[in-house]
């Protein structure tokens, strides 16, 4: 069934038709359906320029441009079909209790307007009413960057073989500490890049590892670094909202932890990264954690999804130790995932649907930022569930016939987690997910211990540990006494950062 999977990838690549609105756009939104004539210049061009042009322009991911009447008119029927099927725009969240600011869903009025234009002959209209194309500073979607860096050498990805995980260290040479709001990457060969995680390394260890085996980059996670972001296929770069930022110390090197996926044609890849900085430190911490943790590694997914199993589920929970403002939700999994869901149960029993992806698509792994932050009280129970279909009926199944699929880092293995991003007043009360913060880490562990230590005995019993993290207790409990003390937490901090901060890519 690998040929089916490749076909799905091809369709997804060809059909990059509608992408989200951006504050960079100067084009006014198109009007609602009118009783008069619908023309390209007055009605359709704003819709296309606002939603498609960001990718459908020279040098971007889409395979053709949508810059003119001629470009759109000759593909008008195909565009109408994918819009009406809602295959495009690639927006997978079902309606819930929150709205996302980067929603790609076209309104019914927009669909009706476009359909009327096609049905009435695709009139061009008055050229004087045609809006100008949006502009992008230097081609970057997020505008003019504060710093642009590039891998010094290209990395070769063969035509076939297993997925490749490779890290690349890029010196930043910062004049002072900076506060990072976004990273936008531009691979010169996009087809083989599945995802990239961004890390900050102050030690210089990663730089020393780069190139030791005679090839650009290095394998493994044998360095201590802090994750500061990431991108996956189908994602669109965006800045952290609400004045949030991640600390990037002066001595930092940028580490690009890349997942390359051979696609049948060899490629040499070099990645350029644009960094965006805040003018001042944020007033609140940004924390992010996974449910289940470790990309689902500690769940029954480690034993595998049996062949033919259509309804295999993993889940996890986490109770907020303090009031926090939810600003972001997303998920990650591989091919046989069929759906995932994130909810919040308030202390009064009210259940909020935060994110529901009823038809998971490996090729479109979006980042969903809330249109308005959602304050959740202390004691709110966050829950994440991921569902898998390892049967022959799943057209995305990489195996024909189906076979046992376990947790692993290859695309044909599986993972599964929901990600929750919060703006908080005291980040030390939350699990360390590899976020950069000022302050003393040992002090942070002490505060976290106090917050969870219900009986104030200076240790954590199993029932005091959030349920999502209990499967990891045996690895941290060095003396096997069934409790965790401050020394055990301190000694295990690098391991926890590796598990929760992205090593399981």
Protein backbone atom coordinates (compact mmCIF):
# COMPACT_ATOMS: atom_id res chain seq x y z
CA UNK A 1 0.00 0.00 0.00
CA UNK A 2 3.06 2.26 -0.15
CA UNK A 3 2.04 3.36 -3.66
CA UNK A 4 -1.28 4.60 -2.24
CA UNK A 5 0.56 6.54 0.43
CA UNK A 6 2.78 8.15 -2.19
CA UNK A 7 -0.29 9.08 -4.22
CA UNK A 8 -1.78 10.76 -1.16
CA UNK A 9 1.44 12.72 -0.70
CA UNK A 10 1.37 13.75 -4.34
CA UNK A 11 -2.23 14.93 -4.16
CA UNK A 12 -1.49 16.92 -1.03
CA UNK A 13 1.51 18.55 -2.72
CA UNK A 14 -0.44 19.49 -5.85
CA UNK A 15 -3.47 20.78 -3.99
CA UNK A 16 -1.86 23.53 -1.87
CA UNK A 17 -4.61 25.88 -2.90
CA UNK A 18 -5.81 27.89 0.06
CA UNK A 19 -3.69 29.09 2.96
CA UNK A 20 -4.53 31.27 5.96
CA UNK A 21 -5.06 34.98 6.17
CA UNK A 22 -2.12 37.06 7.30
CA UNK A 23 -1.75 40.53 8.80
CA UNK A 24 0.63 41.26 5.91
CA UNK A 25 -2.19 41.31 3.38
CA UNK A 26 -3.30 44.67 2.08
CA UNK A 27 -6.15 43.24 -0.01
CA UNK A 28 -9.64 43.85 1.35
CA UNK A 29 -11.79 40.72 1.94
CA UNK A 30 -14.13 39.82 -0.88
CA UNK A 31 -17.76 40.88 -0.66
CA UNK A 32 -20.68 38.54 0.02
CA UNK A 33 -22.60 37.15 -3.00
CA UNK A 34 -24.23 39.93 -4.94
CA UNK A 35 -27.22 40.15 -7.26
CA UNK A 36 -25.01 41.79 -9.88
CA UNK A 37 -22.23 40.36 -12.00
CA UNK A 38 -19.42 38.55 -10.22
CA UNK A 39 -16.03 39.40 -11.71
CA UNK A 40 -12.50 38.29 -11.08
CA UNK A 41 -11.13 41.80 -10.59
CA UNK A 42 -13.69 42.90 -8.03
CA UNK A 43 -14.72 39.71 -6.20
CA UNK A 44 -12.55 36.67 -6.92
CA UNK A 45 -9.07 38.22 -6.96
CA UNK A 46 -9.34 39.31 -3.29
CA UNK A 47 -10.39 35.76 -2.32
CA UNK A 48 -7.50 34.17 -4.22
CA UNK A 49 -4.88 36.73 -3.24
CA UNK A 50 -5.85 36.54 0.45
CA UNK A 51 -5.96 32.76 0.65
CA UNK A 52 -3.82 31.22 -2.11
CA UNK A 53 -1.08 33.58 -3.19
CA UNK A 54 1.04 33.08 -0.08
CA UNK A 55 2.12 29.68 -1.41
CA UNK A 56 1.05 29.94 -5.05
CA UNK A 57 3.83 32.27 -6.15
CA UNK A 58 7.34 31.77 -7.54
CA UNK A 59 9.79 30.17 -5.11
CA UNK A 60 7.17 28.76 -2.74
CA UNK A 61 5.86 25.24 -2.11
CA UNK A 62 2.90 25.19 -4.50
CA UNK A 63 3.48 23.66 -7.95
CA UNK A 64 1.82 26.52 -9.86
CA UNK A 65 1.11 30.22 -9.41
CA UNK A 66 -2.25 31.92 -8.84
CA UNK A 67 -1.21 35.48 -9.62
CA UNK A 68 -3.51 36.50 -12.44
CA UNK A 69 -6.89 36.04 -14.07
CA UNK A 70 -5.33 33.61 -16.54
CA UNK A 71 -3.79 31.49 -13.76
CA UNK A 72 -7.10 31.14 -11.92
CA UNK A 73 -9.46 30.91 -14.90
CA UNK A 74 -7.79 27.89 -16.48
CA UNK A 75 -8.01 25.99 -13.16
CA UNK A 76 -11.37 27.38 -12.08
CA UNK A 77 -13.33 24.12 -12.10
CA UNK A 78 -10.67 22.18 -10.21
CA UNK A 79 -10.41 24.96 -7.63
CA UNK A 80 -14.17 24.96 -7.20
CA UNK A 81 -14.25 21.20 -6.66
CA UNK A 82 -11.63 21.11 -3.91
CA UNK A 83 -13.15 24.14 -2.20
CA UNK A 84 -16.67 22.72 -2.17
CA UNK A 85 -15.43 19.34 -0.92
CA UNK A 86 -13.52 21.28 1.75
CA UNK A 87 -10.48 19.24 0.85
CA UNK A 88 -9.06 22.69 0.46
CA UNK A 89 -8.38 24.76 2.38
CA UNK A 90 -6.48 22.18 4.46
CA UNK A 91 -8.30 22.92 7.71
CA UNK A 92 -8.97 19.85 9.85
CA UNK A 93 -10.27 21.05 13.25
CA UNK A 94 -13.96 20.44 13.85
CA UNK A 95 -15.97 23.30 15.42
CA UNK A 96 -15.57 23.35 19.22
CA UNK A 97 -15.58 25.70 22.21
CA UNK A 98 -12.65 27.79 20.95
CA UNK A 99 -11.87 29.64 17.73
CA UNK A 100 -8.46 29.70 16.08
CA UNK A 101 -6.99 32.86 14.62
CA UNK A 102 -5.38 31.05 11.69
CA UNK A 103 -8.57 29.35 10.52
CA UNK A 104 -8.43 28.34 6.87
CA UNK A 105 -12.09 27.50 6.55
CA UNK A 106 -13.86 29.41 3.77
CA UNK A 107 -17.28 30.79 4.64
CA UNK A 108 -20.44 29.64 2.88
CA UNK A 109 -20.69 33.11 1.32
CA UNK A 110 -17.18 32.81 -0.10
CA UNK A 111 -17.95 29.41 -1.60
CA UNK A 112 -21.21 30.68 -3.08
CA UNK A 113 -19.45 33.70 -4.55
CA UNK A 114 -16.79 31.60 -6.25
CA UNK A 115 -19.35 29.09 -7.56
CA UNK A 116 -21.44 31.90 -9.03
CA UNK A 117 -18.39 33.29 -10.81
CA UNK A 118 -17.68 29.93 -12.44
CA UNK A 119 -21.34 29.29 -13.32
CA UNK A 120 -21.78 32.70 -14.95
CA UNK A 121 -18.79 32.43 -17.27
CA UNK A 122 -15.76 33.53 -15.23
CA UNK A 123 -15.99 37.23 -16.10
CA UNK A 124 -12.69 39.08 -15.88
CA UNK A 125 -14.06 42.53 -15.04
CA UNK A 126 -12.45 45.95 -15.00
CA UNK A 127 -8.65 45.82 -14.69
CA UNK A 128 -8.75 49.11 -12.78
CA UNK A 129 -10.60 47.35 -9.96
CA UNK A 130 -7.99 44.56 -9.70
CA UNK A 131 -6.19 44.79 -6.32
CA UNK A 132 -2.42 44.67 -6.12
CA UNK A 133 -0.76 41.40 -5.16
CA UNK A 134 0.27 41.16 -1.49
CA UNK A 135 3.92 41.87 -0.79
CA UNK A 136 6.29 39.80 1.35
CA UNK A 137 9.50 41.28 2.73
CA UNK A 138 12.29 39.36 1.08
CA UNK A 139 9.81 36.59 0.34
CA UNK A 140 9.39 35.70 4.04
CA UNK A 141 5.82 35.09 5.18
CA UNK A 142 6.39 36.74 8.56
CA UNK A 143 7.98 39.86 7.13
CA UNK A 144 11.52 41.20 7.43
CA UNK A 145 13.53 38.93 9.79
CA UNK A 146 15.86 40.18 12.51
CA UNK A 147 18.45 37.53 11.66
CA UNK A 148 18.88 35.09 8.74
CA UNK A 149 21.24 32.10 8.96
CA UNK A 150 21.91 29.20 6.60
CA UNK A 151 23.42 25.72 6.86
CA UNK A 152 27.02 26.07 5.60
CA UNK A 153 26.74 22.90 3.46
CA UNK A 154 23.98 20.92 1.78
CA UNK A 155 23.03 17.48 3.09
CA UNK A 156 22.44 14.63 0.65
CA UNK A 157 19.20 12.67 0.94
CA UNK A 158 19.19 9.49 -1.21
CA UNK A 159 16.28 8.54 -3.43
CA UNK A 160 15.26 5.54 -1.33
CA UNK A 161 15.80 4.02 2.08
CA UNK A 162 14.83 4.66 5.69
CA UNK A 163 13.92 8.06 7.06
CA UNK A 164 16.92 10.12 8.12
CA UNK A 165 17.19 12.10 11.36
CA UNK A 166 20.06 14.58 11.25
CA UNK A 167 20.96 17.62 13.36
CA UNK A 168 22.76 20.71 12.11
CA UNK A 169 24.44 23.31 14.34
CA UNK A 170 24.43 26.90 13.11
CA UNK A 171 26.33 29.54 15.14
CA UNK A 172 24.22 32.64 15.76
CA UNK A 173 26.92 34.96 17.18
CA UNK A 174 24.35 37.00 19.07
CA UNK A 175 25.60 40.28 20.57
CA UNK A 176 23.36 39.79 23.63
CA UNK A 177 20.51 37.69 24.97
CA UNK A 178 17.49 37.77 22.66
CA UNK A 179 13.82 36.86 23.03
CA UNK A 180 12.59 34.70 20.18
CA UNK A 181 9.05 35.06 18.83
CA UNK A 182 9.30 32.91 15.68
CA UNK A 183 11.52 30.95 13.33
CA UNK A 184 10.62 30.54 9.67
CA UNK A 185 12.59 28.04 7.61
CA UNK A 186 13.11 27.80 3.87
CA UNK A 187 14.54 24.49 2.61
CA UNK A 188 15.86 24.76 -0.93
CA UNK A 189 14.42 21.27 -1.57
CA UNK A 190 11.12 20.96 0.30
CA UNK A 191 9.98 17.56 -0.98
CA UNK A 192 12.23 15.52 1.34
CA UNK A 193 11.81 17.60 4.52
CA UNK A 194 9.08 16.20 6.75
CA UNK A 195 9.70 18.24 9.87
CA UNK A 196 12.33 20.30 11.67
CA UNK A 197 12.62 20.95 15.42
CA UNK A 198 14.53 24.02 16.60
CA UNK A 199 16.86 23.89 19.61
CA UNK A 200 19.10 26.36 21.39
CA UNK A 201 22.49 25.02 22.54
CA UNK A 202 24.64 27.19 24.82
CA UNK A 203 27.31 24.57 25.52
CA UNK A 204 28.95 24.44 22.10
CA UNK A 205 28.77 20.63 22.22
CA UNK A 206 26.49 20.36 19.21
CA UNK A 207 28.80 22.58 17.16
CA UNK A 208 31.67 20.24 18.00
CA UNK A 209 29.68 17.19 16.88
CA UNK A 210 28.70 18.70 13.53
CA UNK A 211 30.62 17.10 10.67
CA UNK A 212 32.64 14.61 12.74
CA UNK A 213 31.59 11.67 10.56
CA UNK A 214 32.64 13.44 7.38
CA UNK A 215 29.14 14.62 6.44
CA UNK A 216 27.31 17.81 7.39
CA UNK A 217 25.45 17.53 10.68
CA UNK A 218 25.39 14.71 13.22
CA UNK A 219 23.12 11.98 14.52
CA UNK A 220 21.50 11.54 17.91
CA UNK A 221 20.67 13.84 20.79
CA UNK A 222 24.00 13.71 22.63
CA UNK A 223 23.87 17.35 23.64
CA UNK A 224 21.94 19.41 26.18
CA UNK A 225 19.70 21.88 24.42
CA UNK A 226 16.39 23.66 24.82
CA UNK A 227 13.64 23.28 22.25
CA UNK A 228 12.45 26.65 20.98
CA UNK A 229 10.00 25.64 18.27
CA UNK A 230 9.44 23.46 15.27
CA UNK A 231 7.79 23.00 11.90
CA UNK A 232 6.08 20.00 10.28
CA UNK A 233 4.78 19.41 6.77
CA UNK A 234 1.58 21.38 6.29
CA UNK A 235 2.46 23.87 8.99
CA UNK A 236 2.51 27.62 8.46
CA UNK A 237 4.97 29.79 10.44
CA UNK A 238 3.49 32.18 12.97
CA UNK A 239 4.73 34.38 15.78
CA UNK A 240 3.96 33.65 19.41
CA UNK A 241 0.91 35.74 20.34
CA UNK A 242 0.06 37.79 23.45
CA UNK A 243 3.55 39.28 23.79
CA UNK A 244 5.14 35.89 24.52
CA UNK A 245 8.69 34.93 23.57
CA UNK A 246 11.35 32.32 24.33
CA UNK A 247 14.72 33.31 25.74
CA UNK A 248 17.67 32.80 23.39
CA UNK A 249 20.90 33.28 25.41
CA UNK A 250 23.79 35.15 23.83
CA UNK A 251 25.98 32.02 23.53
CA UNK A 252 23.27 30.04 21.69
CA UNK A 253 23.82 28.02 18.57
CA UNK A 254 20.70 27.17 16.58
CA UNK A 255 20.21 23.42 16.13
CA UNK A 256 18.01 22.25 13.28
CA UNK A 257 16.89 18.70 14.12
CA UNK A 258 15.66 17.50 10.75
CA UNK A 259 13.51 14.55 9.68
CA UNK A 260 14.20 13.75 6.01
CA UNK A 261 11.87 11.42 4.12
CA UNK A 262 13.21 9.90 0.85
CA UNK A 263 10.67 10.36 -1.96
CA UNK A 264 12.15 8.38 -4.85
CA UNK A 265 14.45 11.11 -6.11
CA UNK A 266 17.80 12.07 -4.58
CA UNK A 267 18.11 15.62 -3.28
CA UNK A 268 20.72 17.91 -1.75
CA UNK A 269 19.13 20.04 0.96
CA UNK A 270 20.26 23.29 2.51
CA UNK A 271 17.98 25.08 4.97
CA UNK A 272 17.86 28.81 5.61
CA UNK A 273 16.23 30.05 8.83
CA UNK A 274 14.80 33.49 9.59
CA UNK A 275 14.65 34.49 13.27
CA UNK A 276 12.29 37.09 14.74
CA UNK A 277 13.00 38.77 18.08
CA UNK A 278 10.84 40.63 20.59
CA UNK A 279 11.84 44.12 21.70
CA UNK A 280 11.74 43.17 25.38
CA UNK A 281 11.37 40.13 27.66
CA UNK A 282 7.81 38.83 28.05
CA UNK A 283 5.86 39.48 31.22
CA UNK A 284 4.72 35.83 31.40
CA UNK A 285 6.27 32.43 30.73
CA UNK A 286 5.28 30.29 27.77
CA UNK A 287 5.02 26.60 28.66
CA UNK A 288 4.10 23.67 26.47
CA UNK A 289 3.61 20.03 27.35
CA UNK A 290 2.38 16.81 25.81
CA UNK A 291 -0.51 14.51 26.64
CA UNK A 292 0.38 11.64 26.58
CA UNK A 293 4.04 12.59 27.27
CA UNK A 294 6.99 11.37 25.24
CA UNK A 295 4.92 11.28 22.02
CA UNK A 296 3.02 8.34 23.50
CA UNK A 297 6.13 6.28 24.18
CA UNK A 298 5.07 5.24 27.68
CA UNK A 299 1.60 4.05 26.59
CA UNK A 300 0.40 0.72 25.18
CA UNK A 301 1.57 2.01 21.80
CA UNK A 302 4.99 0.68 22.81
CA UNK A 303 3.56 -2.86 22.50
CA UNK A 304 2.11 -1.95 19.13
CA UNK A 305 -1.14 -1.65 17.21
CA UNK A 306 -2.16 -5.15 16.04
CA UNK A 307 -2.78 -5.66 12.31
CA UNK A 308 -6.46 -5.32 11.49
CA UNK A 309 -7.23 -3.27 14.63
CA UNK A 310 -9.50 -0.37 13.67
CA UNK A 311 -10.10 1.21 17.07
CA UNK A 312 -6.85 1.43 19.01
CA UNK A 313 -6.64 4.35 21.44
CA UNK A 314 -4.03 5.89 23.72
CA UNK A 315 -4.79 8.70 26.14
CA UNK A 316 -3.44 10.74 29.02
CA UNK A 317 -4.43 13.41 31.53
CA UNK A 318 -2.80 16.32 33.31
CA UNK A 319 -4.23 18.51 36.09
CA UNK A 320 -3.26 22.18 35.98
CA UNK A 321 -1.34 23.08 39.15
CA UNK A 322 -2.14 26.78 38.70
CA UNK A 323 -4.38 29.12 36.74
CA UNK A 324 -3.14 29.46 33.15
CA UNK A 325 -4.18 30.94 29.81
CA UNK A 326 -4.41 28.40 26.98
CA UNK A 327 -3.14 29.88 23.72
CA UNK A 328 -2.21 26.91 21.54
CA UNK A 329 -3.25 23.30 20.82
CA UNK A 330 -1.90 20.90 18.21
CA UNK A 331 -1.08 17.23 17.69
CA UNK A 332 1.47 14.88 16.17
CA UNK A 333 1.18 11.32 14.87
CA UNK A 334 2.07 9.24 11.82
CA UNK A 335 0.21 7.40 9.04
CA UNK A 336 -2.29 5.08 10.78
CA UNK A 337 -3.62 7.71 13.17
CA UNK A 338 -7.24 8.40 12.26
CA UNK A 339 -8.30 11.03 14.81
CA UNK A 340 -7.30 12.90 17.96
CA UNK A 341 -9.03 15.05 20.52
CA UNK A 342 -8.12 17.46 23.31
CA UNK A 343 -10.54 18.45 26.08
CA UNK A 344 -10.53 20.37 29.34
CA UNK A 345 -12.72 19.41 32.31
CA UNK A 346 -13.19 22.35 34.65
CA UNK A 347 -13.38 21.87 38.43
CA UNK A 348 -17.18 22.25 38.24
CA UNK A 349 -17.41 19.34 35.77
CA UNK A 350 -17.90 21.40 32.60
CA UNK A 351 -16.16 19.76 29.62
CA UNK A 352 -14.71 21.99 26.89
CA UNK A 353 -13.78 20.68 23.44
CA UNK A 354 -10.43 22.32 22.72
CA UNK A 355 -9.37 20.54 19.54
CA UNK A 356 -10.94 17.73 17.56
CA UNK A 357 -9.26 16.36 14.45
CA UNK A 358 -11.78 13.76 13.22
CA UNK A 359 -9.79 12.96 10.07
CA UNK A 360 -6.09 13.10 10.89
CA UNK A 361 -3.86 13.82 7.89
CA UNK A 362 -0.15 13.09 8.19
CA UNK A 363 0.55 15.65 5.46
CA UNK A 364 -1.10 18.60 7.21
CA UNK A 365 0.11 18.97 10.79
CA UNK A 366 -1.03 22.43 11.71
CA UNK A 367 -0.33 24.63 14.71
CA UNK A 368 -3.57 26.02 16.15
CA UNK A 369 -3.39 29.29 18.10
CA UNK A 370 -6.53 30.45 19.86
CA UNK A 371 -8.15 33.61 18.53
CA UNK A 372 -8.61 34.65 22.14
CA UNK A 373 -6.73 33.11 25.06
CA UNK A 374 -8.78 30.80 27.27
CA UNK A 375 -8.19 31.12 31.02
CA UNK A 376 -8.43 27.76 32.77
CA UNK A 377 -8.53 27.55 36.57
CA UNK A 378 -6.26 25.54 38.82
CA UNK A 379 -7.51 21.96 39.00
CA UNK A 380 -8.66 21.83 35.35
CA UNK A 381 -8.05 18.34 33.94
CA UNK A 382 -6.62 18.35 30.43
CA UNK A 383 -7.09 15.17 28.42
CA UNK A 384 -5.63 14.02 25.14
CA UNK A 385 -6.64 10.95 23.15
CA UNK A 386 -5.24 9.58 19.91
CA UNK A 387 -6.98 6.91 17.81
CA UNK A 388 -5.45 4.55 15.25
CA UNK A 389 -6.70 2.33 12.43
CA UNK A 390 -4.24 -0.41 11.43
CA UNK A 391 -6.60 -2.16 9.03
CA UNK A 392 -6.54 -2.57 5.26
CA UNK A 393 -9.45 -0.11 5.10
CA UNK A 394 -7.11 2.70 6.11
CA UNK A 395 -5.81 3.97 2.77
CA UNK A 396 -2.92 5.71 4.58
CA UNK A 397 -1.65 2.42 6.04
CA UNK A 398 1.99 2.06 4.90
CA UNK A 399 1.80 -1.75 4.99
CA UNK A 400 -0.08 -4.05 2.60
CA UNK A 401 -1.10 -6.33 4.18
CA UNK A 402 -1.20 -4.59 7.58
CA UNK A 403 1.38 -5.62 10.18
CA UNK A 404 2.11 -4.83 13.83
CA UNK A 405 3.13 -1.17 14.20
CA UNK A 406 4.93 -0.04 17.36
CA UNK A 407 6.13 3.27 18.72
CA UNK A 408 9.18 4.49 16.82
CA UNK A 409 10.80 7.41 15.05
CA UNK A 410 10.40 6.17 11.47
CA UNK A 411 7.39 7.50 9.56
CA UNK A 412 6.17 3.91 9.17
CA UNK A 413 6.29 3.51 12.98
CA UNK A 414 3.80 5.41 15.15
CA UNK A 415 3.67 8.17 17.73
CA UNK A 416 0.86 10.20 19.23
CA UNK A 417 0.49 13.26 21.46
CA UNK A 418 -1.54 16.41 21.90
CA UNK A 419 0.37 19.61 22.64
CA UNK A 420 -0.95 22.33 24.96
CA UNK A 421 0.66 25.78 25.06
CA UNK A 422 0.00 28.18 27.94
CA UNK A 423 0.86 31.67 29.06
CA UNK A 424 1.49 31.42 32.80
CA UNK A 425 2.64 33.66 35.62
CA UNK A 426 4.92 31.05 37.20
CA UNK A 427 6.34 28.57 34.70
CA UNK A 428 8.23 26.70 37.42
CA UNK A 429 4.95 25.14 38.55
CA UNK A 430 4.61 23.27 35.27
CA UNK A 431 6.44 20.26 33.78
CA UNK A 432 9.71 21.19 32.11
CA UNK A 433 9.18 20.69 28.38
CA UNK A 434 12.53 22.09 27.31
CA UNK A 435 11.45 25.74 27.38
CA UNK A 436 14.04 28.48 27.88
CA UNK A 437 13.62 30.58 30.99
CA UNK A 438 15.76 32.71 33.18
CA UNK A 439 16.27 31.80 36.82
CA UNK A 440 17.69 28.85 38.69
CA UNK A 441 16.51 25.41 37.51
CA UNK A 442 17.06 23.87 40.94
CA UNK A 443 14.84 26.55 42.43
CA UNK A 444 12.22 25.70 39.80
CA UNK A 445 12.29 22.06 40.82
CA UNK A 446 11.87 23.06 44.44
CA UNK A 447 8.80 25.15 43.63
CA UNK A 448 7.31 22.36 41.54
CA UNK A 449 7.91 19.85 44.33
CA UNK A 450 6.13 22.11 46.80
CA UNK A 451 3.18 22.58 44.43
CA UNK A 452 2.65 18.82 43.99
CA UNK A 453 3.62 17.72 47.49
CA UNK A 454 0.13 17.48 48.99
CA UNK A 455 1.24 16.03 52.36
CA UNK A 456 4.29 18.34 52.63
CA UNK A 457 6.74 15.52 53.37
CA UNK A 458 9.31 16.75 50.86
CA UNK A 459 8.75 13.81 48.49
CA UNK A 460 6.32 12.85 45.74
CA UNK A 461 4.20 9.74 46.12
CA UNK A 462 2.63 8.15 43.04
CA UNK A 463 -0.79 9.65 43.78
CA UNK A 464 0.77 13.13 43.93
CA UNK A 465 2.27 12.84 40.45
CA UNK A 466 0.09 13.90 37.48
CA UNK A 467 -1.34 10.79 35.83
CA UNK A 468 0.25 11.64 32.49
CA UNK A 469 3.73 11.26 34.00
CA UNK A 470 3.29 8.22 36.24
CA UNK A 471 4.49 5.73 33.57
CA UNK A 472 7.89 7.45 33.76
CA UNK A 473 8.20 7.13 37.55
CA UNK A 474 10.07 3.82 37.48
CA UNK A 475 12.84 5.40 35.38
CA UNK A 476 13.29 8.29 37.79
CA UNK A 477 12.90 6.42 41.09
CA UNK A 478 16.55 5.36 41.40
CA UNK A 479 16.22 3.64 44.80
CA UNK A 480 12.88 1.99 43.88
CA UNK A 481 11.25 3.14 47.11
CA UNK A 482 8.04 4.27 45.37
CA UNK A 483 8.61 7.97 45.99
CA UNK A 484 10.57 10.74 44.26
CA UNK A 485 12.71 13.15 46.22
CA UNK A 486 14.30 16.39 45.07
CA UNK A 487 17.66 14.74 44.34
CA UNK A 488 16.06 12.16 42.04
CA UNK A 489 14.16 14.90 40.18
CA UNK A 490 17.30 17.00 39.82
CA UNK A 491 19.41 14.08 38.56
CA UNK A 492 16.69 13.11 36.09
CA UNK A 493 16.13 16.61 34.67
CA UNK A 494 18.13 15.95 31.44
CA UNK A 495 16.20 12.72 30.88
CA UNK A 496 12.89 14.48 31.42
CA UNK A 497 13.84 17.23 29.00
CA UNK A 498 14.75 14.62 26.40
CA UNK A 499 11.50 12.72 26.83
CA UNK A 500 9.19 15.71 26.98
CA UNK A 501 11.10 18.19 24.86
CA UNK A 502 11.18 16.44 21.49
CA UNK A 503 13.86 13.74 21.33
CA UNK A 504 11.23 11.28 20.22
CA UNK A 505 10.61 13.18 17.02
